PDB file of N, CA and C in Angstrom:
ATOM      1  N   UNK A   1     356.552-157.545 -54.659  1.00  0.00           N
ATOM      2  CA  UNK A   1     355.676-158.227 -55.587  1.00  0.00           C
ATOM      3  C   UNK A   1     356.129-157.891 -57.001  1.00  0.00           C
ATOM      4  N   UNK A   2     356.332-158.892 -57.814  1.00  0.00           N
ATOM      5  CA  UNK A   2     356.755-158.674 -59.190  1.00  0.00           C
ATOM      6  C   UNK A   2     355.546-158.830 -60.087  1.00  0.00           C
ATOM      7  N   UNK A   3     355.300-157.841 -60.925  1.00  0.00           N
ATOM      8  CA  UNK A   3     354.146-157.879 -61.824  1.00  0.00           C
ATOM      9  C   UNK A   3     354.552-158.289 -63.221  1.00  0.00           C
ATOM     10  N   UNK A   4     353.631-158.157 -64.159  1.00  0.00           N
ATOM     11  CA  UNK A   4     353.904-158.457 -65.554  1.00  0.00           C
ATOM     12  C   UNK A   4     354.768-157.348 -66.156  1.00  0.00           C
ATOM     13  N   UNK A   5     355.675-157.709 -67.033  1.00  0.00           N
ATOM     14  CA  UNK A   5     356.516-156.713 -67.689  1.00  0.00           C
ATOM     15  C   UNK A   5     355.701-156.038 -68.781  1.00  0.00           C
ATOM     16  N   UNK A   6     355.688-154.719 -68.779  1.00  0.00           N
ATOM     17  CA  UNK A   6     354.942-153.962 -69.790  1.00  0.00           C
ATOM     18  C   UNK A   6     355.854-153.661 -70.970  1.00  0.00           C
ATOM     19  N   UNK A   7     355.298-153.050 -72.007  1.00  0.00           N
ATOM     20  CA  UNK A   7     356.068-152.689 -73.184  1.00  0.00           C
ATOM     21  C   UNK A   7     357.194-151.702 -72.837  1.00  0.00           C
ATOM     22  N   UNK A   8     356.958-150.855 -71.827  1.00  0.00           N
ATOM     23  CA  UNK A   8     357.951-149.866 -71.444  1.00  0.00           C
ATOM     24  C   UNK A   8     359.113-150.481 -70.666  1.00  0.00           C
ATOM     25  N   UNK A   9     358.967-151.747 -70.234  1.00  0.00           N
ATOM     26  CA  UNK A   9     360.069-152.399 -69.548  1.00  0.00           C
ATOM     27  C   UNK A   9     359.980-152.359 -68.034  1.00  0.00           C
ATOM     28  N   UNK A  10     358.962-151.699 -67.489  1.00  0.00           N
ATOM     29  CA  UNK A  10     358.787-151.695 -66.046  1.00  0.00           C
ATOM     30  C   UNK A  10     357.617-152.587 -65.699  1.00  0.00           C
ATOM     31  N   UNK A  11     357.572-153.038 -64.475  1.00  0.00           N
ATOM     32  CA  UNK A  11     356.483-153.906 -64.066  1.00  0.00           C
ATOM     33  C   UNK A  11     355.270-153.077 -63.711  1.00  0.00           C
ATOM     34  N   UNK A  12     354.109-153.703 -63.752  1.00  0.00           N
ATOM     35  CA  UNK A  12     352.872-153.016 -63.411  1.00  0.00           C
ATOM     36  C   UNK A  12     352.738-152.842 -61.908  1.00  0.00           C
ATOM     37  N   UNK A  13     353.345-153.726 -61.122  1.00  0.00           N
ATOM     38  CA  UNK A  13     353.317-153.596 -59.668  1.00  0.00           C
ATOM     39  C   UNK A  13     354.323-152.524 -59.263  1.00  0.00           C
ATOM     40  N   UNK A  14     354.512-152.331 -57.965  1.00  0.00           N
ATOM     41  CA  UNK A  14     355.414-151.286 -57.491  1.00  0.00           C
ATOM     42  C   UNK A  14     356.881-151.689 -57.594  1.00  0.00           C
ATOM     43  N   UNK A  15     357.171-152.895 -58.018  1.00  0.00           N
ATOM     44  CA  UNK A  15     358.546-153.363 -58.136  1.00  0.00           C
ATOM     45  C   UNK A  15     359.253-152.597 -59.257  1.00  0.00           C
ATOM     46  N   UNK A  16     360.307-151.862 -58.920  1.00  0.00           N
ATOM     47  CA  UNK A  16     360.999-151.036 -59.902  1.00  0.00           C
ATOM     48  C   UNK A  16     362.387-151.604 -60.202  1.00  0.00           C
ATOM     49  N   UNK A  17     362.493-152.892 -60.407  1.00  0.00           N
ATOM     50  CA  UNK A  17     363.785-153.514 -60.668  1.00  0.00           C
ATOM     51  C   UNK A  17     364.230-153.254 -62.101  1.00  0.00           C
ATOM     52  N   UNK A  18     365.547-153.154 -62.261  1.00  0.00           N
ATOM     53  CA  UNK A  18     366.132-152.963 -63.579  1.00  0.00           C
ATOM     54  C   UNK A  18     366.003-154.251 -64.387  1.00  0.00           C
ATOM     55  N   UNK A  19     365.551-154.133 -65.633  1.00  0.00           N
ATOM     56  CA  UNK A  19     365.429-155.276 -66.532  1.00  0.00           C
ATOM     57  C   UNK A  19     366.415-155.063 -67.667  1.00  0.00           C
ATOM     58  N   UNK A  20     367.442-155.908 -67.692  1.00  0.00           N
ATOM     59  CA  UNK A  20     368.581-155.744 -68.598  1.00  0.00           C
ATOM     60  C   UNK A  20     368.178-155.629 -70.070  1.00  0.00           C
ATOM     61  N   UNK A  21     367.173-156.386 -70.479  1.00  0.00           N
ATOM     62  CA  UNK A  21     366.802-156.418 -71.900  1.00  0.00           C
ATOM     63  C   UNK A  21     365.911-155.256 -72.321  1.00  0.00           C
ATOM     64  N   UNK A  22     365.592-154.341 -71.410  1.00  0.00           N
ATOM     65  CA  UNK A  22     364.699-153.229 -71.729  1.00  0.00           C
ATOM     66  C   UNK A  22     365.470-151.911 -71.853  1.00  0.00           C
ATOM     67  N   UNK A  23     364.774-150.858 -72.235  1.00  0.00           N
ATOM     68  CA  UNK A  23     365.348-149.536 -72.443  1.00  0.00           C
ATOM     69  C   UNK A  23     365.863-148.950 -71.119  1.00  0.00           C
ATOM     70  N   UNK A  24     367.179-148.879 -70.973  1.00  0.00           N
ATOM     71  CA  UNK A  24     367.805-148.415 -69.723  1.00  0.00           C
ATOM     72  C   UNK A  24     367.444-146.975 -69.409  1.00  0.00           C
ATOM     73  N   UNK A  25     367.520-146.099 -70.394  1.00  0.00           N
ATOM     74  CA  UNK A  25     367.227-144.684 -70.166  1.00  0.00           C
ATOM     75  C   UNK A  25     365.796-144.485 -69.681  1.00  0.00           C
ATOM     76  N   UNK A  26     364.852-145.177 -70.275  1.00  0.00           N
ATOM     77  CA  UNK A  26     363.453-145.065 -69.870  1.00  0.00           C
ATOM     78  C   UNK A  26     363.263-145.577 -68.435  1.00  0.00           C
ATOM     79  N   UNK A  27     363.896-146.703 -68.120  1.00  0.00           N
ATOM     80  CA  UNK A  27     363.772-147.264 -66.771  1.00  0.00           C
ATOM     81  C   UNK A  27     364.353-146.321 -65.721  1.00  0.00           C
ATOM     82  N   UNK A  28     365.524-145.747 -66.002  1.00  0.00           N
ATOM     83  CA  UNK A  28     366.137-144.805 -65.062  1.00  0.00           C
ATOM     84  C   UNK A  28     365.261-143.567 -64.881  1.00  0.00           C
ATOM     85  N   UNK A  29     364.682-143.079 -65.972  1.00  0.00           N
ATOM     86  CA  UNK A  29     363.788-141.926 -65.881  1.00  0.00           C
ATOM     87  C   UNK A  29     362.606-142.234 -64.971  1.00  0.00           C
ATOM     88  N   UNK A  30     361.985-143.399 -65.137  1.00  0.00           N
ATOM     89  CA  UNK A  30     360.854-143.786 -64.289  1.00  0.00           C
ATOM     90  C   UNK A  30     361.271-143.902 -62.831  1.00  0.00           C
ATOM     91  N   UNK A  31     362.383-144.548 -62.564  1.00  0.00           N
ATOM     92  CA  UNK A  31     362.849-144.754 -61.192  1.00  0.00           C
ATOM     93  C   UNK A  31     363.199-143.425 -60.537  1.00  0.00           C
ATOM     94  N   UNK A  32     363.947-142.582 -61.237  1.00  0.00           N
ATOM     95  CA  UNK A  32     364.412-141.333 -60.639  1.00  0.00           C
ATOM     96  C   UNK A  32     363.308-140.294 -60.508  1.00  0.00           C
ATOM     97  N   UNK A  33     362.358-140.284 -61.435  1.00  0.00           N
ATOM     98  CA  UNK A  33     361.303-139.274 -61.398  1.00  0.00           C
ATOM     99  C   UNK A  33     360.032-139.719 -60.685  1.00  0.00           C
ATOM    100  N   UNK A  34     359.811-141.020 -60.570  1.00  0.00           N
ATOM    101  CA  UNK A  34     358.618-141.512 -59.880  1.00  0.00           C
ATOM    102  C   UNK A  34     358.955-142.135 -58.537  1.00  0.00           C
ATOM    103  N   UNK A  35     360.242-142.360 -58.297  1.00  0.00           N
ATOM    104  CA  UNK A  35     360.689-142.820 -56.990  1.00  0.00           C
ATOM    105  C   UNK A  35     360.732-144.317 -56.816  1.00  0.00           C
ATOM    106  N   UNK A  36     361.519-144.691 -55.850  1.00  0.00           N
ATOM    107  CA  UNK A  36     361.644-146.082 -55.427  1.00  0.00           C
ATOM    108  C   UNK A  36     360.980-146.183 -54.069  1.00  0.00           C
ATOM    109  N   UNK A  37     360.136-147.158 -53.899  1.00  0.00           N
ATOM    110  CA  UNK A  37     359.525-147.378 -52.594  1.00  0.00           C
ATOM    111  C   UNK A  37     360.528-148.056 -51.679  1.00  0.00           C
ATOM    112  N   UNK A  38     360.366-147.861 -50.384  1.00  0.00           N
ATOM    113  CA  UNK A  38     361.313-148.377 -49.399  1.00  0.00           C
ATOM    114  C   UNK A  38     361.581-149.868 -49.586  1.00  0.00           C
ATOM    115  N   UNK A  39     360.546-150.646 -49.785  1.00  0.00           N
ATOM    116  CA  UNK A  39     360.697-152.091 -49.924  1.00  0.00           C
ATOM    117  C   UNK A  39     361.292-152.542 -51.248  1.00  0.00           C
ATOM    118  N   UNK A  40     361.345-151.663 -52.243  1.00  0.00           N
ATOM    119  CA  UNK A  40     361.858-152.045 -53.553  1.00  0.00           C
ATOM    120  C   UNK A  40     363.352-152.333 -53.543  1.00  0.00           C
ATOM    121  N   UNK A  41     364.079-151.714 -52.626  1.00  0.00           N
ATOM    122  CA  UNK A  41     365.527-151.825 -52.671  1.00  0.00           C
ATOM    123  C   UNK A  41     366.118-152.295 -51.344  1.00  0.00           C
ATOM    124  N   UNK A  42     365.289-152.824 -50.477  1.00  0.00           N
ATOM    125  CA  UNK A  42     365.753-153.246 -49.161  1.00  0.00           C
ATOM    126  C   UNK A  42     365.225-154.640 -48.876  1.00  0.00           C
ATOM    127  N   UNK A  43     366.104-155.524 -48.457  1.00  0.00           N
ATOM    128  CA  UNK A  43     365.679-156.854 -48.043  1.00  0.00           C
ATOM    129  C   UNK A  43     365.393-156.792 -46.554  1.00  0.00           C
ATOM    130  N   UNK A  44     364.185-157.093 -46.149  1.00  0.00           N
ATOM    131  CA  UNK A  44     363.822-157.019 -44.744  1.00  0.00           C
ATOM    132  C   UNK A  44     362.348-157.241 -44.552  1.00  0.00           C
ATOM    133  N   UNK A  45     361.875-156.919 -43.345  1.00  0.00           N
ATOM    134  CA  UNK A  45     360.472-157.115 -43.009  1.00  0.00           C
ATOM    135  C   UNK A  45     359.957-155.944 -42.187  1.00  0.00           C
ATOM    136  N   UNK A  46     358.737-155.504 -42.503  1.00  0.00           N
ATOM    137  CA  UNK A  46     358.056-154.500 -41.691  1.00  0.00           C
ATOM    138  C   UNK A  46     357.277-155.229 -40.605  1.00  0.00           C
ATOM    139  N   UNK A  47     357.495-154.834 -39.356  1.00  0.00           N
ATOM    140  CA  UNK A  47     356.809-155.454 -38.231  1.00  0.00           C
ATOM    141  C   UNK A  47     356.167-154.391 -37.366  1.00  0.00           C
ATOM    142  N   UNK A  48     355.076-154.752 -36.721  1.00  0.00           N
ATOM    143  CA  UNK A  48     354.488-153.898 -35.700  1.00  0.00           C
ATOM    144  C   UNK A  48     354.488-154.700 -34.415  1.00  0.00           C
ATOM    145  N   UNK A  49     354.874-154.061 -33.322  1.00  0.00           N
ATOM    146  CA  UNK A  49     355.000-154.760 -32.048  1.00  0.00           C
ATOM    147  C   UNK A  49     354.605-153.819 -30.914  1.00  0.00           C
ATOM    148  N   UNK A  50     353.912-154.366 -29.929  1.00  0.00           N
ATOM    149  CA  UNK A  50     353.627-153.618 -28.707  1.00  0.00           C
ATOM    150  C   UNK A  50     354.622-154.087 -27.657  1.00  0.00           C
ATOM    151  N   UNK A  51     355.489-153.183 -27.245  1.00  0.00           N
ATOM    152  CA  UNK A  51     356.571-153.520 -26.325  1.00  0.00           C
ATOM    153  C   UNK A  51     356.119-153.466 -24.880  1.00  0.00           C
ATOM    154  N   UNK A  52     356.601-154.418 -24.097  1.00  0.00           N
ATOM    155  CA  UNK A  52     356.489-154.322 -22.650  1.00  0.00           C
ATOM    156  C   UNK A  52     357.797-153.685 -22.170  1.00  0.00           C
ATOM    157  N   UNK A  53     357.783-153.141 -20.965  1.00  0.00           N
ATOM    158  CA  UNK A  53     359.004-152.542 -20.430  1.00  0.00           C
ATOM    159  C   UNK A  53     360.016-153.658 -20.173  1.00  0.00           C
ATOM    160  N   UNK A  54     361.240-153.448 -20.595  1.00  0.00           N
ATOM    161  CA  UNK A  54     362.289-154.462 -20.445  1.00  0.00           C
ATOM    162  C   UNK A  54     362.543-155.165 -21.758  1.00  0.00           C
ATOM    163  N   UNK A  55     363.097-156.359 -21.658  1.00  0.00           N
ATOM    164  CA  UNK A  55     363.481-157.105 -22.856  1.00  0.00           C
ATOM    165  C   UNK A  55     362.272-157.793 -23.493  1.00  0.00           C
ATOM    166  N   UNK A  56     362.221-157.739 -24.833  1.00  0.00           N
ATOM    167  CA  UNK A  56     361.152-158.345 -25.615  1.00  0.00           C
ATOM    168  C   UNK A  56     361.761-159.297 -26.630  1.00  0.00           C
ATOM    169  N   UNK A  57     361.256-160.527 -26.672  1.00  0.00           N
ATOM    170  CA  UNK A  57     361.654-161.488 -27.707  1.00  0.00           C
ATOM    171  C   UNK A  57     360.688-161.317 -28.865  1.00  0.00           C
ATOM    172  N   UNK A  58     361.223-161.041 -30.053  1.00  0.00           N
ATOM    173  CA  UNK A  58     360.378-160.726 -31.205  1.00  0.00           C
ATOM    174  C   UNK A  58     360.628-161.717 -32.327  1.00  0.00           C
ATOM    175  N   UNK A  59     359.538-162.313 -32.821  1.00  0.00           N
ATOM    176  CA  UNK A  59     359.593-163.197 -33.996  1.00  0.00           C
ATOM    177  C   UNK A  59     359.637-162.309 -35.239  1.00  0.00           C
ATOM    178  N   UNK A  60     360.667-162.457 -36.063  1.00  0.00           N
ATOM    179  CA  UNK A  60     360.774-161.589 -37.247  1.00  0.00           C
ATOM    180  C   UNK A  60     360.481-162.303 -38.551  1.00  0.00           C
ATOM    181  N   UNK A  61     360.679-163.608 -38.641  1.00  0.00           N
ATOM    182  CA  UNK A  61     360.334-164.382 -39.826  1.00  0.00           C
ATOM    183  C   UNK A  61     361.167-164.125 -41.067  1.00  0.00           C
ATOM    184  N   UNK A  62     362.360-163.569 -40.931  1.00  0.00           N
ATOM    185  CA  UNK A  62     363.184-163.259 -42.103  1.00  0.00           C
ATOM    186  C   UNK A  62     363.810-164.495 -42.748  1.00  0.00           C
ATOM    187  N   UNK A  63     364.108-165.502 -41.946  1.00  0.00           N
ATOM    188  CA  UNK A  63     364.801-166.666 -42.486  1.00  0.00           C
ATOM    189  C   UNK A  63     366.311-166.491 -42.480  1.00  0.00           C
ATOM    190  N   UNK A  64     366.797-165.384 -41.976  1.00  0.00           N
ATOM    191  CA  UNK A  64     368.228-165.147 -41.780  1.00  0.00           C
ATOM    192  C   UNK A  64     368.398-164.271 -40.541  1.00  0.00           C
ATOM    193  N   UNK A  65     369.595-164.236 -39.991  1.00  0.00           N
ATOM    194  CA  UNK A  65     369.854-163.440 -38.795  1.00  0.00           C
ATOM    195  C   UNK A  65     369.912-161.971 -39.197  1.00  0.00           C
ATOM    196  N   UNK A  66     369.035-161.147 -38.636  1.00  0.00           N
ATOM    197  CA  UNK A  66     369.050-159.723 -39.007  1.00  0.00           C
ATOM    198  C   UNK A  66     370.302-159.024 -38.487  1.00  0.00           C
ATOM    199  N   UNK A  67     370.687-157.964 -39.176  1.00  0.00           N
ATOM    200  CA  UNK A  67     371.848-157.198 -38.725  1.00  0.00           C
ATOM    201  C   UNK A  67     371.461-155.856 -38.143  1.00  0.00           C
ATOM    202  N   UNK A  68     370.167-155.519 -38.171  1.00  0.00           N
ATOM    203  CA  UNK A  68     369.754-154.257 -37.586  1.00  0.00           C
ATOM    204  C   UNK A  68     368.269-154.018 -37.686  1.00  0.00           C
ATOM    205  N   UNK A  69     367.847-152.939 -37.025  1.00  0.00           N
ATOM    206  CA  UNK A  69     366.440-152.558 -36.964  1.00  0.00           C
ATOM    207  C   UNK A  69     366.349-151.040 -37.111  1.00  0.00           C
ATOM    208  N   UNK A  70     365.394-150.579 -37.907  1.00  0.00           N
ATOM    209  CA  UNK A  70     365.095-149.158 -38.003  1.00  0.00           C
ATOM    210  C   UNK A  70     363.705-148.957 -37.402  1.00  0.00           C
ATOM    211  N   UNK A  71     363.605-148.088 -36.410  1.00  0.00           N
ATOM    212  CA  UNK A  71     362.312-147.761 -35.815  1.00  0.00           C
ATOM    213  C   UNK A  71     361.679-146.673 -36.683  1.00  0.00           C
ATOM    214  N   UNK A  72     360.548-147.000 -37.301  1.00  0.00           N
ATOM    215  CA  UNK A  72     359.888-146.078 -38.222  1.00  0.00           C
ATOM    216  C   UNK A  72     358.845-145.204 -37.548  1.00  0.00           C
ATOM    217  N   UNK A  73     358.161-145.745 -36.549  1.00  0.00           N
ATOM    218  CA  UNK A  73     357.069-145.025 -35.919  1.00  0.00           C
ATOM    219  C   UNK A  73     356.870-145.563 -34.509  1.00  0.00           C
ATOM    220  N   UNK A  74     356.625-144.670 -33.558  1.00  0.00           N
ATOM    221  CA  UNK A  74     356.330-145.061 -32.175  1.00  0.00           C
ATOM    222  C   UNK A  74     355.052-144.362 -31.731  1.00  0.00           C
ATOM    223  N   UNK A  75     354.317-145.002 -30.834  1.00  0.00           N
ATOM    224  CA  UNK A  75     353.057-144.433 -30.351  1.00  0.00           C
ATOM    225  C   UNK A  75     353.271-143.387 -29.261  1.00  0.00           C
ATOM    226  N   UNK A  76     354.480-143.194 -28.807  1.00  0.00           N
ATOM    227  CA  UNK A  76     354.768-142.221 -27.761  1.00  0.00           C
ATOM    228  C   UNK A  76     356.252-142.191 -27.460  1.00  0.00           C
ATOM    229  N   UNK A  77     356.637-141.459 -26.399  1.00  0.00           N
ATOM    230  CA  UNK A  77     358.048-141.390 -26.043  1.00  0.00           C
ATOM    231  C   UNK A  77     358.533-142.717 -25.463  1.00  0.00           C
ATOM    232  N   UNK A  78     359.765-143.030 -25.729  1.00  0.00           N
ATOM    233  CA  UNK A  78     360.376-144.262 -25.235  1.00  0.00           C
ATOM    234  C   UNK A  78     361.504-144.674 -26.149  1.00  0.00           C
ATOM    235  N   UNK A  79     362.466-145.368 -25.587  1.00  0.00           N
ATOM    236  CA  UNK A  79     363.615-145.832 -26.353  1.00  0.00           C
ATOM    237  C   UNK A  79     363.486-147.331 -26.627  1.00  0.00           C
ATOM    238  N   UNK A  80     363.888-147.727 -27.829  1.00  0.00           N
ATOM    239  CA  UNK A  80     363.925-149.135 -28.227  1.00  0.00           C
ATOM    240  C   UNK A  80     365.343-149.401 -28.712  1.00  0.00           C
ATOM    241  N   UNK A  81     365.945-150.465 -28.196  1.00  0.00           N
ATOM    242  CA  UNK A  81     367.311-150.783 -28.622  1.00  0.00           C
ATOM    243  C   UNK A  81     367.538-152.280 -28.566  1.00  0.00           C
ATOM    244  N   UNK A  82     368.512-152.747 -29.345  1.00  0.00           N
ATOM    245  CA  UNK A  82     368.815-154.162 -29.434  1.00  0.00           C
ATOM    246  C   UNK A  82     369.589-154.660 -28.229  1.00  0.00           C
ATOM    247  N   UNK A  83     369.304-155.897 -27.831  1.00  0.00           N
ATOM    248  CA  UNK A  83     370.053-156.566 -26.770  1.00  0.00           C
ATOM    249  C   UNK A  83     370.355-157.988 -27.213  1.00  0.00           C
ATOM    250  N   UNK A  84     371.317-158.605 -26.568  1.00  0.00           N
ATOM    251  CA  UNK A  84     371.669-160.007 -26.824  1.00  0.00           C
ATOM    252  C   UNK A  84     371.820-160.293 -28.323  1.00  0.00           C
ATOM    253  N   UNK A  85     372.423-159.363 -29.047  1.00  0.00           N
ATOM    254  CA  UNK A  85     372.508-159.501 -30.506  1.00  0.00           C
ATOM    255  C   UNK A  85     373.278-160.743 -30.954  1.00  0.00           C
ATOM    256  N   UNK A  86     374.151-161.282 -30.122  1.00  0.00           N
ATOM    257  CA  UNK A  86     374.845-162.520 -30.489  1.00  0.00           C
ATOM    258  C   UNK A  86     373.928-163.728 -30.386  1.00  0.00           C
ATOM    259  N   UNK A  87     372.745-163.554 -29.792  1.00  0.00           N
ATOM    260  CA  UNK A  87     371.776-164.640 -29.659  1.00  0.00           C
ATOM    261  C   UNK A  87     370.631-164.529 -30.663  1.00  0.00           C
ATOM    262  N   UNK A  88     370.660-163.514 -31.519  1.00  0.00           N
ATOM    263  CA  UNK A  88     369.635-163.389 -32.549  1.00  0.00           C
ATOM    264  C   UNK A  88     369.754-164.577 -33.497  1.00  0.00           C
ATOM    265  N   UNK A  89     368.614-165.047 -33.982  1.00  0.00           N
ATOM    266  CA  UNK A  89     368.612-166.185 -34.905  1.00  0.00           C
ATOM    267  C   UNK A  89     367.847-165.809 -36.172  1.00  0.00           C
ATOM    268  N   UNK A  90     367.676-166.779 -37.044  1.00  0.00           N
ATOM    269  CA  UNK A  90     366.913-166.559 -38.270  1.00  0.00           C
ATOM    270  C   UNK A  90     365.415-166.435 -37.990  1.00  0.00           C
ATOM    271  N   UNK A  91     365.007-166.625 -36.729  1.00  0.00           N
ATOM    272  CA  UNK A  91     363.589-166.540 -36.371  1.00  0.00           C
ATOM    273  C   UNK A  91     363.279-165.482 -35.314  1.00  0.00           C
ATOM    274  N   UNK A  92     364.212-165.247 -34.365  1.00  0.00           N
ATOM    275  CA  UNK A  92     363.934-164.320 -33.264  1.00  0.00           C
ATOM    276  C   UNK A  92     365.058-163.304 -33.066  1.00  0.00           C
ATOM    277  N   UNK A  93     364.694-162.192 -32.436  1.00  0.00           N
ATOM    278  CA  UNK A  93     365.663-161.181 -32.022  1.00  0.00           C
ATOM    279  C   UNK A  93     365.186-160.616 -30.686  1.00  0.00           C
ATOM    280  N   UNK A  94     366.058-159.882 -30.021  1.00  0.00           N
ATOM    281  CA  UNK A  94     365.735-159.327 -28.721  1.00  0.00           C
ATOM    282  C   UNK A  94     365.891-157.809 -28.752  1.00  0.00           C
ATOM    283  N   UNK A  95     364.823-157.117 -28.387  1.00  0.00           N
ATOM    284  CA  UNK A  95     364.849-155.663 -28.293  1.00  0.00           C
ATOM    285  C   UNK A  95     364.362-155.259 -26.910  1.00  0.00           C
ATOM    286  N   UNK A  96     364.925-154.197 -26.394  1.00  0.00           N
ATOM    287  CA  UNK A  96     364.564-153.712 -25.068  1.00  0.00           C
ATOM    288  C   UNK A  96     363.871-152.364 -25.212  1.00  0.00           C
ATOM    289  N   UNK A  97     362.909-152.126 -24.333  1.00  0.00           N
ATOM    290  CA  UNK A  97     362.170-150.875 -24.328  1.00  0.00           C
ATOM    291  C   UNK A  97     362.156-150.334 -22.899  1.00  0.00           C
ATOM    292  N   UNK A  98     362.232-149.014 -22.754  1.00  0.00           N
ATOM    293  CA  UNK A  98     362.286-148.425 -21.412  1.00  0.00           C
ATOM    294  C   UNK A  98     360.929-147.967 -20.879  1.00  0.00           C
ATOM    295  N   UNK A  99     359.857-148.216 -21.628  1.00  0.00           N
ATOM    296  CA  UNK A  99     358.503-147.900 -21.155  1.00  0.00           C
ATOM    297  C   UNK A  99     357.577-149.070 -21.493  1.00  0.00           C
ATOM    298  N   UNK A 100     356.424-149.129 -20.834  1.00  0.00           N
ATOM    299  CA  UNK A 100     355.480-150.214 -21.122  1.00  0.00           C
ATOM    300  C   UNK A 100     354.442-149.776 -22.147  1.00  0.00           C
ATOM    301  N   UNK A 101     353.928-150.750 -22.862  1.00  0.00           N
ATOM    302  CA  UNK A 101     352.849-150.555 -23.846  1.00  0.00           C
ATOM    303  C   UNK A 101     353.197-149.578 -24.963  1.00  0.00           C
ATOM    304  N   UNK A 102     354.438-149.558 -25.392  1.00  0.00           N
ATOM    305  CA  UNK A 102     354.837-148.712 -26.515  1.00  0.00           C
ATOM    306  C   UNK A 102     354.641-149.504 -27.802  1.00  0.00           C
ATOM    307  N   UNK A 103     353.826-148.985 -28.693  1.00  0.00           N
ATOM    308  CA  UNK A 103     353.610-149.616 -29.998  1.00  0.00           C
ATOM    309  C   UNK A 103     354.601-149.021 -30.977  1.00  0.00           C
ATOM    310  N   UNK A 104     355.184-149.892 -31.813  1.00  0.00           N
ATOM    311  CA  UNK A 104     356.183-149.394 -32.766  1.00  0.00           C
ATOM    312  C   UNK A 104     356.100-150.169 -34.074  1.00  0.00           C
ATOM    313  N   UNK A 105     356.407-149.459 -35.153  1.00  0.00           N
ATOM    314  CA  UNK A 105     356.570-150.053 -36.480  1.00  0.00           C
ATOM    315  C   UNK A 105     358.063-150.109 -36.745  1.00  0.00           C
ATOM    316  N   UNK A 106     358.547-151.305 -37.087  1.00  0.00           N
ATOM    317  CA  UNK A 106     359.984-151.538 -37.266  1.00  0.00           C
ATOM    318  C   UNK A 106     360.266-152.071 -38.661  1.00  0.00           C
ATOM    319  N   UNK A 107     361.414-151.712 -39.189  1.00  0.00           N
ATOM    320  CA  UNK A 107     361.920-152.371 -40.390  1.00  0.00           C
ATOM    321  C   UNK A 107     363.132-153.166 -39.946  1.00  0.00           C
ATOM    322  N   UNK A 108     363.024-154.487 -40.044  1.00  0.00           N
ATOM    323  CA  UNK A 108     364.097-155.384 -39.607  1.00  0.00           C
ATOM    324  C   UNK A 108     364.842-155.843 -40.850  1.00  0.00           C
ATOM    325  N   UNK A 109     366.167-155.712 -40.812  1.00  0.00           N
ATOM    326  CA  UNK A 109     366.960-156.119 -41.977  1.00  0.00           C
ATOM    327  C   UNK A 109     368.171-156.919 -41.574  1.00  0.00           C
TER     328      UNK A 109
END
């Protein structure tokens, strides 16, 4: 989300993008000392999915073919891994899980 540009050159929202016409040193200080949020510098989507055992077809909504997935959180033990990656599209991907009813938070990029 991009907010209004303030006098200091940073946006009011969490978007910490560099603005060429503003004070570079001040912007770098804010970014390095206050941090960059995960979504500020990564193109992708956060998804939550409840996996069934075996292959799962997942709608990701990115509008482009993803090149990978980071599993951020799982509700219990179990492995999640990509399958049929040559068949992934701008709308769907295939992930396999070795247990049933595993809930997971994913970052798809």
